[in-house]
Every structure is written in C-alpha cells, then in structure tokens.
Amino acid sequence: MLWIIGSMALVLFGTVGMCSLIVGGRADDWMESSKLIEPSNRSPFSAEDKIRVVLEGFHNQISVSDLCKRERISPALYHSWVNDFIDAGKARLNGDSLRNATRAESRN
C-alpha cells in the first residue's frame, strides 16, 4: 500500500515540476531539460573504440565479462561488435570493398 502512495506522489511531483517549468520558465528551458531525458541515437563509441575493444577481447588477457564491465557495455553488445568485425573481415577478404568513384568513372 505504501509503495502505491509513494509512486503516486512521485508521478504527481514530476508532473507538477514539468508544469512549473512550462508555466514559470521559458520554452527554451523546457526544451533543454527534455534533452536530458531523450535517449541518444548516436553510439558513444567510435569505430576505433569498437575495434580496440574487440581486439582486446581477442587477446584473451582479460575475460569478456571484465572487459565489458570496464568499458561499460553489455556482453551482448560486445558480441555483436565481434560478429560485425568478423563479417566485415570476411567481406573484405572476398574482395568486397566500398570506395568512392573516381572522376573519370563517374563521367562514364
């Protein structure tokens, strides 16, 4: 019973806080505070970071679980990076490569 009251109070205070931001503050203030809540679609890891983590996992000097804890990623994410790394390597060894067309090729 207490947890229901506590959760209702939390929702109520959160709603009151948002209303006071909208009414009392400027619209820009509300937009800035909403950016803190929205998830980012961009990965915080660059391609170089992903390669570094995958190669470090391949060296077997540290367990995958410890590596994931240190890098603050889930083991599932690590294994998806490993699969992407291996697939990209296979594709490259098979002769698949992406490159920009040269000026002469684009004219033809």
PDB file of N, CA and C in Angstrom:
ATOM      1  N   MET A   1       0.821  -1.186   0.000  1.00  0.00           N
ATOM      2  CA  MET A   1       0.000   0.000   0.000  1.00  0.00           C
ATOM      3  C   MET A   1       0.872   1.261   0.000  1.00  0.00           C
ATOM      4  N   LEU A   2       1.962   1.217   0.795  1.00  0.00           N
ATOM      5  CA  LEU A   2       2.831   2.387   0.859  1.00  0.00           C
ATOM      6  C   LEU A   2       3.529   2.652  -0.474  1.00  0.00           C
ATOM      7  N   TRP A   3       3.900   1.586  -1.190  1.00  0.00           N
ATOM      8  CA  TRP A   3       4.604   1.796  -2.455  1.00  0.00           C
ATOM      9  C   TRP A   3       3.686   2.411  -3.490  1.00  0.00           C
ATOM     10  N   ILE A   4       2.366   2.132  -3.412  1.00  0.00           N
ATOM     11  CA  ILE A   4       1.404   2.750  -4.328  1.00  0.00           C
ATOM     12  C   ILE A   4       1.329   4.247  -4.049  1.00  0.00           C
ATOM     13  N   ILE A   5       1.258   4.609  -2.786  1.00  0.00           N
ATOM     14  CA  ILE A   5       1.191   6.025  -2.410  1.00  0.00           C
ATOM     15  C   ILE A   5       2.486   6.727  -2.805  1.00  0.00           C
ATOM     16  N   GLY A   6       3.624   6.064  -2.555  1.00  0.00           N
ATOM     17  CA  GLY A   6       4.911   6.659  -2.907  1.00  0.00           C
ATOM     18  C   GLY A   6       5.056   6.865  -4.398  1.00  0.00           C
ATOM     19  N   SER A   7       4.615   5.880  -5.194  1.00  0.00           N
ATOM     20  CA  SER A   7       4.733   6.027  -6.651  1.00  0.00           C
ATOM     21  C   SER A   7       3.767   7.084  -7.171  1.00  0.00           C
ATOM     22  N   MET A   8       2.590   7.180  -6.583  1.00  0.00           N
ATOM     23  CA  MET A   8       1.642   8.224  -6.999  1.00  0.00           C
ATOM     24  C   MET A   8       2.204   9.604  -6.667  1.00  0.00           C
ATOM     25  N   ALA A   9       2.849   9.731  -5.507  1.00  0.00           N
ATOM     26  CA  ALA A   9       3.442  11.019  -5.125  1.00  0.00           C
ATOM     27  C   ALA A   9       4.576  11.383  -6.077  1.00  0.00           C
ATOM     28  N   LEU A  10       5.360  10.398  -6.473  1.00  0.00           N
ATOM     29  CA  LEU A  10       6.454  10.645  -7.401  1.00  0.00           C
ATOM     30  C   LEU A  10       5.927  11.139  -8.745  1.00  0.00           C
ATOM     31  N   VAL A  11       4.869  10.507  -9.243  1.00  0.00           N
ATOM     32  CA  VAL A  11       4.260  10.938 -10.503  1.00  0.00           C
ATOM     33  C   VAL A  11       3.689  12.340 -10.359  1.00  0.00           C
ATOM     34  N   LEU A  12       3.024  12.603  -9.250  1.00  0.00           N
ATOM     35  CA  LEU A  12       2.430  13.917  -9.017  1.00  0.00           C
ATOM     36  C   LEU A  12       3.489  15.003  -8.955  1.00  0.00           C
ATOM     37  N   PHE A  13       4.567  14.771  -8.202  1.00  0.00           N
ATOM     38  CA  PHE A  13       5.624  15.773  -8.099  1.00  0.00           C
ATOM     39  C   PHE A  13       6.328  15.975  -9.433  1.00  0.00           C
ATOM     40  N   GLY A  14       6.517  14.906 -10.185  1.00  0.00           N
ATOM     41  CA  GLY A  14       7.129  15.028 -11.500  1.00  0.00           C
ATOM     42  C   GLY A  14       6.265  15.849 -12.438  1.00  0.00           C
ATOM     43  N   THR A  15       4.953  15.628 -12.397  1.00  0.00           N
ATOM     44  CA  THR A  15       4.028  16.386 -13.236  1.00  0.00           C
ATOM     45  C   THR A  15       4.004  17.848 -12.822  1.00  0.00           C
ATOM     46  N   VAL A  16       3.982  18.114 -11.531  1.00  0.00           N
ATOM     47  CA  VAL A  16       3.989  19.490 -11.036  1.00  0.00           C
ATOM     48  C   VAL A  16       5.283  20.186 -11.451  1.00  0.00           C
ATOM     49  N   GLY A  17       6.403  19.459 -11.361  1.00  0.00           N
ATOM     50  CA  GLY A  17       7.682  20.043 -11.755  1.00  0.00           C
ATOM     51  C   GLY A  17       7.710  20.406 -13.223  1.00  0.00           C
ATOM     52  N   MET A  18       7.174  19.555 -14.084  1.00  0.00           N
ATOM     53  CA  MET A  18       7.144  19.848 -15.517  1.00  0.00           C
ATOM     54  C   MET A  18       6.209  21.023 -15.802  1.00  0.00           C
ATOM     55  N   CYS A  19       5.055  21.073 -15.106  1.00  0.00           N
ATOM     56  CA  CYS A  19       4.128  22.187 -15.310  1.00  0.00           C
ATOM     57  C   CYS A  19       4.758  23.498 -14.877  1.00  0.00           C
ATOM     58  N   SER A  20       5.486  23.499 -13.782  1.00  0.00           N
ATOM     59  CA  SER A  20       6.112  24.737 -13.324  1.00  0.00           C
ATOM     60  C   SER A  20       7.204  25.160 -14.304  1.00  0.00           C
ATOM     61  N   LEU A  21       7.859  24.207 -14.921  1.00  0.00           N
ATOM     62  CA  LEU A  21       8.861  24.555 -15.929  1.00  0.00           C
ATOM     63  C   LEU A  21       8.197  25.209 -17.136  1.00  0.00           C
ATOM     64  N   ILE A  22       7.062  24.638 -17.549  1.00  0.00           N
ATOM     65  CA  ILE A  22       6.384  25.158 -18.738  1.00  0.00           C
ATOM     66  C   ILE A  22       5.752  26.513 -18.445  1.00  0.00           C
ATOM     67  N   VAL A  23       5.071  26.625 -17.288  1.00  0.00           N
ATOM     68  CA  VAL A  23       4.373  27.868 -16.971  1.00  0.00           C
ATOM     69  C   VAL A  23       5.330  28.941 -16.484  1.00  0.00           C
ATOM     70  N   GLY A  24       6.193  28.587 -15.539  1.00  0.00           N
ATOM     71  CA  GLY A  24       7.061  29.582 -14.921  1.00  0.00           C
ATOM     72  C   GLY A  24       8.292  29.897 -15.738  1.00  0.00           C
ATOM     73  N   GLY A  25       8.803  28.918 -16.462  1.00  0.00           N
ATOM     74  CA  GLY A  25      10.034  29.121 -17.215  1.00  0.00           C
ATOM     75  C   GLY A  25       9.755  29.408 -18.674  1.00  0.00           C
ATOM     76  N   ARG A  26      10.827  29.570 -19.403  1.00  0.00           N
ATOM     77  CA  ARG A  26      10.695  29.796 -20.834  1.00  0.00           C
ATOM     78  C   ARG A  26      10.596  28.458 -21.545  1.00  0.00           C
ATOM     79  N   ALA A  27      10.129  28.484 -22.776  1.00  0.00           N
ATOM     80  CA  ALA A  27      10.026  27.258 -23.566  1.00  0.00           C
ATOM     81  C   ALA A  27      11.415  26.673 -23.813  1.00  0.00           C
ATOM     82  N   ASP A  28      12.426  27.543 -23.930  1.00  0.00           N
ATOM     83  CA  ASP A  28      13.790  27.066 -24.157  1.00  0.00           C
ATOM     84  C   ASP A  28      14.289  26.245 -22.968  1.00  0.00           C
ATOM     85  N   ASP A  29      13.918  26.685 -21.754  1.00  0.00           N
ATOM     86  CA  ASP A  29      14.324  25.944 -20.559  1.00  0.00           C
ATOM     87  C   ASP A  29      13.723  24.549 -20.559  1.00  0.00           C
ATOM     88  N   TRP A  30      12.455  24.465 -20.962  1.00  0.00           N
ATOM     89  CA  TRP A  30      11.797  23.175 -21.007  1.00  0.00           C
ATOM     90  C   TRP A  30      12.436  22.279 -22.059  1.00  0.00           C
ATOM     91  N   MET A  31      12.793  22.840 -23.205  1.00  0.00           N
ATOM     92  CA  MET A  31      13.418  22.049 -24.263  1.00  0.00           C
ATOM     93  C   MET A  31      14.777  21.540 -23.808  1.00  0.00           C
ATOM     94  N   GLU A  32      15.535  22.369 -23.103  1.00  0.00           N
ATOM     95  CA  GLU A  32      16.842  21.940 -22.618  1.00  0.00           C
ATOM     96  C   GLU A  32      16.706  20.808 -21.610  1.00  0.00           C
ATOM     97  N   SER A  33      15.703  20.891 -20.726  1.00  0.00           N
ATOM     98  CA  SER A  33      15.535  19.833 -19.735  1.00  0.00           C
ATOM     99  C   SER A  33      15.026  18.553 -20.371  1.00  0.00           C
ATOM    100  N   SER A  34      14.263  18.654 -21.461  1.00  0.00           N
ATOM    101  CA  SER A  34      13.769  17.442 -22.109  1.00  0.00           C
ATOM    102  C   SER A  34      14.879  16.721 -22.852  1.00  0.00           C
ATOM    103  N   LYS A  35      15.947  17.430 -23.231  1.00  0.00           N
ATOM    104  CA  LYS A  35      17.068  16.777 -23.897  1.00  0.00           C
ATOM    105  C   LYS A  35      17.780  15.810 -22.963  1.00  0.00           C
ATOM    106  N   LEU A  36      17.688  16.060 -21.663  1.00  0.00           N
ATOM    107  CA  LEU A  36      18.326  15.175 -20.704  1.00  0.00           C
ATOM    108  C   LEU A  36      17.616  13.830 -20.636  1.00  0.00           C
ATOM    109  N   ILE A  37      16.342  13.794 -20.981  1.00  0.00           N
ATOM    110  CA  ILE A  37      15.545  12.590 -20.869  1.00  0.00           C
ATOM    111  C   ILE A  37      15.605  11.768 -22.146  1.00  0.00           C
ATOM    112  N   GLU A  38      15.677  12.415 -23.302  1.00  0.00           N
ATOM    113  CA  GLU A  38      15.631  11.710 -24.571  1.00  0.00           C
ATOM    114  C   GLU A  38      16.886  10.863 -24.768  1.00  0.00           C
ATOM    115  N   PRO A  39      16.704   9.610 -25.210  1.00  0.00           N
ATOM    116  CA  PRO A  39      17.878   8.789 -25.484  1.00  0.00           C
ATOM    117  C   PRO A  39      18.567   9.246 -26.759  1.00  0.00           C
ATOM    118  N   SER A  40      19.858   9.049 -26.805  1.00  0.00           N
ATOM    119  CA  SER A  40      20.622   9.441 -27.974  1.00  0.00           C
ATOM    120  C   SER A  40      20.650   8.292 -28.963  1.00  0.00           C
ATOM    121  N   ASN A  41      20.474   8.585 -30.245  1.00  0.00           N
ATOM    122  CA  ASN A  41      20.536   7.563 -31.272  1.00  0.00           C
ATOM    123  C   ASN A  41      21.966   7.292 -31.694  1.00  0.00           C
ATOM    124  N   ARG A  42      22.871   8.174 -31.357  1.00  0.00           N
ATOM    125  CA  ARG A  42      24.255   8.052 -31.772  1.00  0.00           C
ATOM    126  C   ARG A  42      25.030   7.229 -30.750  1.00  0.00           C
ATOM    127  N   SER A  43      25.826   6.309 -31.230  1.00  0.00           N
ATOM    128  CA  SER A  43      26.632   5.490 -30.346  1.00  0.00           C
ATOM    129  C   SER A  43      27.769   6.330 -29.769  1.00  0.00           C
ATOM    130  N   PRO A  44      28.029   6.205 -28.473  1.00  0.00           N
ATOM    131  CA  PRO A  44      29.137   6.974 -27.907  1.00  0.00           C
ATOM    132  C   PRO A  44      30.503   6.386 -28.255  1.00  0.00           C
ATOM    133  N   PHE A  45      30.519   5.251 -28.953  1.00  0.00           N
ATOM    134  CA  PHE A  45      31.765   4.595 -29.305  1.00  0.00           C
ATOM    135  C   PHE A  45      32.078   4.804 -30.782  1.00  0.00           C
ATOM    136  N   SER A  46      33.277   5.250 -31.056  1.00  0.00           N
ATOM    137  CA  SER A  46      33.704   5.399 -32.444  1.00  0.00           C
ATOM    138  C   SER A  46      34.093   4.030 -32.986  1.00  0.00           C
ATOM    139  N   ALA A  47      34.322   3.967 -34.290  1.00  0.00           N
ATOM    140  CA  ALA A  47      34.745   2.711 -34.901  1.00  0.00           C
ATOM    141  C   ALA A  47      36.079   2.252 -34.319  1.00  0.00           C
ATOM    142  N   GLU A  48      36.960   3.200 -34.050  1.00  0.00           N
ATOM    143  CA  GLU A  48      38.259   2.860 -33.473  1.00  0.00           C
ATOM    144  C   GLU A  48      38.106   2.271 -32.072  1.00  0.00           C
ATOM    145  N   ASP A  49      37.177   2.828 -31.290  1.00  0.00           N
ATOM    146  CA  ASP A  49      36.924   2.300 -29.950  1.00  0.00           C
ATOM    147  C   ASP A  49      36.409   0.866 -30.022  1.00  0.00           C
ATOM    148  N   LYS A  50      35.483   0.621 -30.953  1.00  0.00           N
ATOM    149  CA  LYS A  50      34.918  -0.718 -31.091  1.00  0.00           C
ATOM    150  C   LYS A  50      35.997  -1.720 -31.492  1.00  0.00           C
ATOM    151  N   ILE A  51      36.848  -1.328 -32.441  1.00  0.00           N
ATOM    152  CA  ILE A  51      37.931  -2.212 -32.877  1.00  0.00           C
ATOM    153  C   ILE A  51      38.892  -2.494 -31.731  1.00  0.00           C
ATOM    154  N   ARG A  52      39.223  -1.460 -30.964  1.00  0.00           N
ATOM    155  CA  ARG A  52      40.128  -1.630 -29.828  1.00  0.00           C
ATOM    156  C   ARG A  52      39.562  -2.620 -28.825  1.00  0.00           C
ATOM    157  N   VAL A  53      38.267  -2.503 -28.520  1.00  0.00           N
ATOM    158  CA  VAL A  53      37.639  -3.390 -27.542  1.00  0.00           C
ATOM    159  C   VAL A  53      37.596  -4.822 -28.073  1.00  0.00           C
ATOM    160  N   VAL A  54      37.226  -4.979 -29.347  1.00  0.00           N
ATOM    161  CA  VAL A  54      37.142  -6.322 -29.931  1.00  0.00           C
ATOM    162  C   VAL A  54      38.518  -6.980 -29.955  1.00  0.00           C
ATOM    163  N   LEU A  55      39.535  -6.246 -30.381  1.00  0.00           N
ATOM    164  CA  LEU A  55      40.881  -6.823 -30.434  1.00  0.00           C
ATOM    165  C   LEU A  55      41.399  -7.153 -29.037  1.00  0.00           C
ATOM    166  N   GLU A  56      41.055  -6.325 -28.070  1.00  0.00           N
ATOM    167  CA  GLU A  56      41.469  -6.611 -26.702  1.00  0.00           C
ATOM    168  C   GLU A  56      40.803  -7.887 -26.187  1.00  0.00           C
ATOM    169  N   GLY A  57      39.564  -8.096 -26.603  1.00  0.00           N
ATOM    170  CA  GLY A  57      38.874  -9.338 -26.248  1.00  0.00           C
ATOM    171  C   GLY A  57      39.487 -10.544 -26.923  1.00  0.00           C
ATOM    172  N   PHE A  58      39.993 -10.370 -28.151  1.00  0.00           N
ATOM    173  CA  PHE A  58      40.648 -11.463 -28.865  1.00  0.00           C
ATOM    174  C   PHE A  58      41.956 -11.876 -28.205  1.00  0.00           C
ATOM    175  N   HIS A  59      42.645 -10.960 -27.557  1.00  0.00           N
ATOM    176  CA  HIS A  59      43.932 -11.268 -26.928  1.00  0.00           C
ATOM    177  C   HIS A  59      43.802 -12.180 -25.708  1.00  0.00           C
ATOM    178  N   ASN A  60      42.619 -12.304 -25.157  1.00  0.00           N
ATOM    179  CA  ASN A  60      42.331 -13.180 -24.011  1.00  0.00           C
ATOM    180  C   ASN A  60      43.177 -12.862 -22.781  1.00  0.00           C
ATOM    181  N   GLN A  61      43.643 -11.645 -22.641  1.00  0.00           N
ATOM    182  CA  GLN A  61      44.375 -11.272 -21.433  1.00  0.00           C
ATOM    183  C   GLN A  61      43.424 -10.862 -20.321  1.00  0.00           C
ATOM    184  N   ILE A  62      42.185 -10.580 -20.693  1.00  0.00           N
ATOM    185  CA  ILE A  62      41.152 -10.194 -19.735  1.00  0.00           C
ATOM    186  C   ILE A  62      39.872 -10.906 -20.164  1.00  0.00           C
ATOM    187  N   SER A  63      39.078 -11.323 -19.203  1.00  0.00           N
ATOM    188  CA  SER A  63      37.835 -12.019 -19.552  1.00  0.00           C
ATOM    189  C   SER A  63      36.861 -11.040 -20.208  1.00  0.00           C
ATOM    190  N   VAL A  64      35.968 -11.605 -20.999  1.00  0.00           N
ATOM    191  CA  VAL A  64      34.987 -10.772 -21.699  1.00  0.00           C
ATOM    192  C   VAL A  64      34.105 -10.030 -20.695  1.00  0.00           C
ATOM    193  N   SER A  65      33.710 -10.701 -19.632  1.00  0.00           N
ATOM    194  CA  SER A  65      32.854 -10.033 -18.642  1.00  0.00           C
ATOM    195  C   SER A  65      33.577  -8.866 -17.974  1.00  0.00           C
ATOM    196  N   ASP A  66      34.867  -9.049 -17.655  1.00  0.00           N
ATOM    197  CA  ASP A  66      35.631  -7.951 -17.056  1.00  0.00           C
ATOM    198  C   ASP A  66      35.846  -6.817 -18.053  1.00  0.00           C
ATOM    199  N   LEU A  67      36.103  -7.174 -19.302  1.00  0.00           N
ATOM    200  CA  LEU A  67      36.270  -6.167 -20.349  1.00  0.00           C
ATOM    201  C   LEU A  67      34.995  -5.351 -20.519  1.00  0.00           C
ATOM    202  N   CYS A  68      33.862  -6.033 -20.543  1.00  0.00           N
ATOM    203  CA  CYS A  68      32.574  -5.344 -20.703  1.00  0.00           C
ATOM    204  C   CYS A  68      32.276  -4.436 -19.512  1.00  0.00           C
ATOM    205  N   LYS A  69      32.621  -4.896 -18.310  1.00  0.00           N
ATOM    206  CA  LYS A  69      32.410  -4.055 -17.126  1.00  0.00           C
ATOM    207  C   LYS A  69      33.283  -2.809 -17.194  1.00  0.00           C
ATOM    208  N   ARG A  70      34.551  -2.994 -17.588  1.00  0.00           N
ATOM    209  CA  ARG A  70      35.466  -1.861 -17.661  1.00  0.00           C
ATOM    210  C   ARG A  70      35.032  -0.848 -18.712  1.00  0.00           C
ATOM    211  N   GLU A  71      34.549  -1.330 -19.866  1.00  0.00           N
ATOM    212  CA  GLU A  71      34.128  -0.434 -20.951  1.00  0.00           C
ATOM    213  C   GLU A  71      32.686   0.033 -20.806  1.00  0.00           C
ATOM    214  N   ARG A  72      31.999  -0.512 -19.805  1.00  0.00           N
ATOM    215  CA  ARG A  72      30.590  -0.175 -19.531  1.00  0.00           C
ATOM    216  C   ARG A  72      29.692  -0.485 -20.722  1.00  0.00           C
ATOM    217  N   ILE A  73      29.846  -1.701 -21.235  1.00  0.00           N
ATOM    218  CA  ILE A  73      28.978  -2.192 -22.309  1.00  0.00           C
ATOM    219  C   ILE A  73      28.435  -3.550 -21.881  1.00  0.00           C
ATOM    220  N   SER A  74      27.366  -3.970 -22.522  1.00  0.00           N
ATOM    221  CA  SER A  74      26.810  -5.283 -22.213  1.00  0.00           C
ATOM    222  C   SER A  74      27.560  -6.341 -23.015  1.00  0.00           C
ATOM    223  N   PRO A  75      27.613  -7.567 -22.498  1.00  0.00           N
ATOM    224  CA  PRO A  75      28.245  -8.640 -23.268  1.00  0.00           C
ATOM    225  C   PRO A  75      27.571  -8.865 -24.621  1.00  0.00           C
ATOM    226  N   ALA A  76      26.266  -8.661 -24.684  1.00  0.00           N
ATOM    227  CA  ALA A  76      25.564  -8.824 -25.963  1.00  0.00           C
ATOM    228  C   ALA A  76      26.055  -7.795 -26.990  1.00  0.00           C
ATOM    229  N   LEU A  77      26.293  -6.569 -26.541  1.00  0.00           N
ATOM    230  CA  LEU A  77      26.807  -5.546 -27.441  1.00  0.00           C
ATOM    231  C   LEU A  77      28.216  -5.897 -27.901  1.00  0.00           C
ATOM    232  N   TYR A  78      29.032  -6.391 -26.974  1.00  0.00           N
ATOM    233  CA  TYR A  78      30.393  -6.807 -27.334  1.00  0.00           C
ATOM    234  C   TYR A  78      30.351  -7.898 -28.406  1.00  0.00           C
ATOM    235  N   HIS A  79      29.502  -8.881 -28.212  1.00  0.00           N
ATOM    236  CA  HIS A  79      29.437  -9.981 -29.167  1.00  0.00           C
ATOM    237  C   HIS A  79      28.871  -9.533 -30.517  1.00  0.00           C
ATOM    238  N   SER A  80      27.995  -8.545 -30.520  1.00  0.00           N
ATOM    239  CA  SER A  80      27.523  -8.017 -31.804  1.00  0.00           C
ATOM    240  C   SER A  80      28.648  -7.275 -32.522  1.00  0.00           C
ATOM    241  N   TRP A  81      29.511  -6.577 -31.764  1.00  0.00           N
ATOM    242  CA  TRP A  81      30.677  -5.925 -32.368  1.00  0.00           C
ATOM    243  C   TRP A  81      31.631  -6.966 -32.951  1.00  0.00           C
ATOM    244  N   VAL A  82      31.820  -8.079 -32.225  1.00  0.00           N
ATOM    245  CA  VAL A  82      32.696  -9.146 -32.711  1.00  0.00           C
ATOM    246  C   VAL A  82      32.141  -9.719 -34.013  1.00  0.00           C
ATOM    247  N   ASN A  83      30.834  -9.977 -34.052  1.00  0.00           N
ATOM    248  CA  ASN A  83      30.217 -10.516 -35.264  1.00  0.00           C
ATOM    249  C   ASN A  83      30.339  -9.552 -36.428  1.00  0.00           C
ATOM    250  N   ASP A  84      30.111  -8.262 -36.182  1.00  0.00           N
ATOM    251  CA  ASP A  84      30.264  -7.252 -37.240  1.00  0.00           C
ATOM    252  C   ASP A  84      31.708  -7.197 -37.733  1.00  0.00           C
ATOM    253  N   PHE A  85      32.651  -7.293 -36.808  1.00  0.00           N
ATOM    254  CA  PHE A  85      34.069  -7.253 -37.136  1.00  0.00           C
ATOM    255  C   PHE A  85      34.443  -8.439 -38.027  1.00  0.00           C
ATOM    256  N   ILE A  86      33.978  -9.627 -37.650  1.00  0.00           N
ATOM    257  CA  ILE A  86      34.283 -10.828 -38.428  1.00  0.00           C
ATOM    258  C   ILE A  86      33.611 -10.783 -39.794  1.00  0.00           C
ATOM    259  N   ASP A  87      32.345 -10.341 -39.842  1.00  0.00           N
ATOM    260  CA  ASP A  87      31.641 -10.245 -41.126  1.00  0.00           C
ATOM    261  C   ASP A  87      32.318  -9.259 -42.064  1.00  0.00           C
ATOM    262  N   ALA A  88      32.767  -8.133 -41.525  1.00  0.00           N
ATOM    263  CA  ALA A  88      33.447  -7.135 -42.354  1.00  0.00           C
ATOM    264  C   ALA A  88      34.775  -7.684 -42.866  1.00  0.00           C
ATOM    265  N   GLY A  89      35.479  -8.429 -42.025  1.00  0.00           N
ATOM    266  CA  GLY A  89      36.730  -9.038 -42.452  1.00  0.00           C
ATOM    267  C   GLY A  89      36.518 -10.061 -43.543  1.00  0.00           C
ATOM    268  N   LYS A  90      35.472 -10.886 -43.426  1.00  0.00           N
ATOM    269  CA  LYS A  90      35.156 -11.878 -44.454  1.00  0.00           C
ATOM    270  C   LYS A  90      34.815 -11.206 -45.774  1.00  0.00           C
ATOM    271  N   ALA A  91      34.006 -10.151 -45.694  1.00  0.00           N
ATOM    272  CA  ALA A  91      33.610  -9.448 -46.911  1.00  0.00           C
ATOM    273  C   ALA A  91      34.815  -8.822 -47.593  1.00  0.00           C
ATOM    274  N   ARG A  92      35.707  -8.271 -46.825  1.00  0.00           N
ATOM    275  CA  ARG A  92      36.900  -7.640 -47.399  1.00  0.00           C
ATOM    276  C   ARG A  92      37.823  -8.675 -48.020  1.00  0.00           C
ATOM    277  N   LEU A  93      37.962  -9.823 -47.386  1.00  0.00           N
ATOM    278  CA  LEU A  93      38.807 -10.878 -47.941  1.00  0.00           C
ATOM    279  C   LEU A  93      38.208 -11.480 -49.214  1.00  0.00           C
ATOM    280  N   ASN A  94      36.904 -11.393 -49.343  1.00  0.00           N
ATOM    281  CA  ASN A  94      36.243 -11.867 -50.561  1.00  0.00           C
ATOM    282  C   ASN A  94      36.307 -10.843 -51.688  1.00  0.00           C
ATOM    283  N   GLY A  95      36.924  -9.721 -51.444  1.00  0.00           N
ATOM    284  CA  GLY A  95      37.093  -8.716 -52.482  1.00  0.00           C
ATOM    285  C   GLY A  95      36.061  -7.621 -52.483  1.00  0.00           C
ATOM    286  N   ASP A  96      35.123  -7.654 -51.561  1.00  0.00           N
ATOM    287  CA  ASP A  96      34.125  -6.588 -51.477  1.00  0.00           C
ATOM    288  C   ASP A  96      34.742  -5.383 -50.805  1.00  0.00           C
ATOM    289  N   SER A  97      34.627  -4.253 -51.435  1.00  0.00           N
ATOM    290  CA  SER A  97      35.099  -3.028 -50.799  1.00  0.00           C
ATOM    291  C   SER A  97      34.247  -1.878 -51.296  1.00  0.00           C
ATOM    292  N   LEU A  98      34.044  -0.937 -50.435  1.00  0.00           N
ATOM    293  CA  LEU A  98      33.324   0.272 -50.792  1.00  0.00           C
ATOM    294  C   LEU A  98      34.328   1.381 -51.011  1.00  0.00           C
ATOM    295  N   ARG A  99      34.180   2.095 -52.073  1.00  0.00           N
ATOM    296  CA  ARG A  99      35.049   3.241 -52.312  1.00  0.00           C
ATOM    297  C   ARG A  99      34.282   4.236 -53.160  1.00  0.00           C
ATOM    298  N   ASN A 100      34.748   5.453 -53.149  1.00  0.00           N
ATOM    299  CA  ASN A 100      34.148   6.489 -53.965  1.00  0.00           C
ATOM    300  C   ASN A 100      34.651   6.332 -55.400  1.00  0.00           C
ATOM    301  N   ALA A 101      33.778   6.605 -56.337  1.00  0.00           N
ATOM    302  CA  ALA A 101      34.155   6.523 -57.745  1.00  0.00           C
ATOM    303  C   ALA A 101      35.105   7.678 -58.063  1.00  0.00           C
ATOM    304  N   THR A 102      36.043   7.405 -58.954  1.00  0.00           N
ATOM    305  CA  THR A 102      36.930   8.473 -59.390  1.00  0.00           C
ATOM    306  C   THR A 102      36.168   9.376 -60.345  1.00  0.00           C
ATOM    307  N   ARG A 103      36.718  10.514 -60.629  1.00  0.00           N
ATOM    308  CA  ARG A 103      36.079  11.478 -61.520  1.00  0.00           C
ATOM    309  C   ARG A 103      35.867  10.871 -62.914  1.00  0.00           C
ATOM    310  N   ALA A 104      36.856  10.120 -63.421  1.00  0.00           N
ATOM    311  CA  ALA A 104      36.730   9.501 -64.730  1.00  0.00           C
ATOM    312  C   ALA A 104      35.626   8.443 -64.739  1.00  0.00           C
ATOM    313  N   GLU A 105      35.534   7.676 -63.672  1.00  0.00           N
ATOM    314  CA  GLU A 105      34.493   6.657 -63.607  1.00  0.00           C
ATOM    315  C   GLU A 105      33.098   7.272 -63.536  1.00  0.00           C
ATOM    316  N   SER A 106      32.969   8.369 -62.832  1.00  0.00           N
ATOM    317  CA  SER A 106      31.658   8.998 -62.725  1.00  0.00           C
ATOM    318  C   SER A 106      31.207   9.630 -64.040  1.00  0.00           C
ATOM    319  N   ARG A 107      32.181  10.066 -64.864  1.00  0.00           N
ATOM    320  CA  ARG A 107      31.819  10.623 -66.170  1.00  0.00           C
ATOM    321  C   ARG A 107      31.309   9.546 -67.108  1.00  0.00           C
ATOM    322  N   ASN A 108      31.847   8.339 -66.991  1.00  0.00           N
ATOM    323  CA  ASN A 108      31.410   7.228 -67.850  1.00  0.00           C
ATOM    324  C   ASN A 108      30.091   6.715 -67.352  1.00  0.00           C
TER     325      ASN A 108
END
